[in-house]
Protein backbone atom coordinates (compact mmCIF):
# COMPACT_ATOMS: atom_id res chain seq x y z
CA MET A 1 34.56 50.34 -39.25
CA LYS A 2 38.14 51.61 -39.40
CA LEU A 3 38.84 50.04 -36.04
CA VAL A 4 37.61 46.63 -37.24
CA LEU A 5 39.78 46.94 -40.35
CA ARG A 6 42.84 47.84 -38.27
CA ILE A 7 42.24 44.89 -35.97
CA ALA A 8 41.84 42.56 -38.96
CA VAL A 9 45.07 43.84 -40.53
CA ALA A 10 46.92 43.48 -37.22
CA LEU A 11 45.66 39.91 -36.77
CA ALA A 12 46.61 39.04 -40.37
CA ALA A 13 50.09 40.48 -39.82
CA LEU A 14 50.47 38.54 -36.57
CA TYR A 15 49.33 35.34 -38.28
CA GLY A 16 51.82 35.91 -41.12
CA LEU A 17 54.60 36.50 -38.61
CA LEU A 18 53.77 33.27 -36.74
CA VAL A 19 53.65 31.28 -39.99
CA GLY A 20 57.03 32.76 -40.98
CA ILE A 21 58.59 31.85 -37.64
CA LEU A 22 57.26 28.29 -37.86
CA PHE A 23 58.52 27.96 -41.44
CA ALA A 24 61.97 29.22 -40.43
CA ALA A 25 62.03 26.75 -37.52
CA MET A 26 61.26 23.89 -39.91
CA HIS A 27 64.46 24.65 -41.80
CA GLN A 28 66.58 24.14 -38.66
CA PRO A 29 68.42 20.91 -37.80
CA PRO A 30 66.21 18.30 -36.09
CA ASP A 31 67.48 19.00 -32.56
CA ARG A 32 66.79 22.75 -32.79
CA PHE A 33 63.43 22.14 -34.47
CA GLY A 34 62.51 19.71 -31.68
CA GLN A 35 63.36 22.32 -29.04
CA PHE A 36 61.13 24.82 -30.83
CA MET A 37 58.24 22.36 -31.17
CA ALA A 38 58.45 21.42 -27.47
CA LYS A 39 57.54 25.02 -26.60
CA LEU A 40 54.74 25.39 -29.17
CA PRO A 41 51.27 25.28 -27.60
CA GLY A 42 49.06 22.41 -28.82
CA PRO A 43 46.18 24.57 -30.14
CA SER A 44 48.57 26.22 -32.61
CA PHE A 45 48.38 23.01 -34.69
CA LEU A 46 44.72 23.81 -35.29
CA VAL A 47 45.43 27.37 -36.43
CA LEU A 48 48.74 27.23 -38.30
CA PRO A 49 49.14 25.35 -41.62
CA PHE A 50 51.67 22.92 -40.15
CA ARG A 51 51.35 20.11 -42.73
CA GLN A 52 51.57 22.39 -45.76
CA LEU A 53 54.61 24.22 -44.38
CA TRP A 54 56.29 20.92 -43.47
CA MET A 55 55.82 19.52 -46.97
CA ILE A 56 57.41 22.62 -48.48
CA ALA A 57 60.23 23.00 -45.92
CA ARG A 58 61.30 19.34 -46.02
CA ALA A 59 60.59 18.57 -49.67
CA GLY A 60 64.24 18.14 -50.60
CA LYS A 61 65.76 18.41 -54.03
CA LEU A 62 66.41 14.78 -54.97
CA GLN A 63 64.68 13.36 -58.01
CA VAL A 64 64.05 9.73 -58.89
CA GLY A 65 67.30 8.27 -60.21
CA ASP A 66 69.60 10.76 -58.42
CA ALA A 67 72.49 9.33 -56.42
CA ALA A 68 71.94 9.45 -52.67
CA PRO A 69 73.95 12.14 -50.89
CA ASP A 70 76.90 10.87 -48.90
CA PHE A 71 76.54 10.56 -45.13
CA VAL A 72 78.24 8.93 -42.15
CA LEU A 73 76.38 7.00 -39.41
CA GLU A 74 77.46 5.23 -36.27
CA THR A 75 76.64 1.55 -35.90
CA THR A 76 74.04 0.66 -33.26
CA ASP A 77 76.74 -0.42 -30.83
CA ARG A 78 78.68 2.81 -31.57
CA ALA A 79 81.77 0.71 -32.27
CA GLU A 80 82.39 2.15 -35.73
CA ARG A 81 81.22 4.70 -38.26
CA VAL A 82 79.93 3.70 -41.68
CA GLN A 83 80.08 5.99 -44.71
CA LEU A 84 77.73 5.54 -47.65
CA ALA A 85 80.39 6.46 -50.23
CA ALA A 86 82.50 3.50 -49.06
CA HIS A 87 79.83 1.13 -50.40
CA ARG A 88 79.00 2.96 -53.63
CA GLY A 89 79.21 0.61 -56.59
CA GLU A 90 79.72 -2.49 -54.43
CA ARG A 91 76.24 -3.57 -53.48
CA PRO A 92 72.81 -2.10 -52.72
CA VAL A 93 72.49 -0.28 -49.41
CA VAL A 94 69.21 -0.41 -47.49
CA LEU A 95 68.35 2.00 -44.70
CA VAL A 96 65.64 0.98 -42.24
CA PHE A 97 64.02 3.71 -40.18
CA GLY A 98 61.60 2.85 -37.43
CA SER A 99 61.16 0.81 -34.35
CA TYR A 100 60.97 -2.92 -33.82
CA THR A 101 59.19 -2.66 -30.47
């Protein structure tokens, strides 16, 4: 019985370690997180609480009514860079994420 208990504790510790590593990876910039996810075996999505960790790790701190944080983006043709703060107070700014294909 002690052997079964030791195995259960070891498996629980291993599971906790894997969840901690995944959670830490989710806090990395997108390129580093993508590199990590590329090496993660597919069946781990069935075992690890991916969705719950993702919702916590990427929840953010903005509330409704807060001003958007400033950022700089390149135009699609890479000819210029556009900064959000340059348009603050002028007119509404709309960001479209996705694909038109």
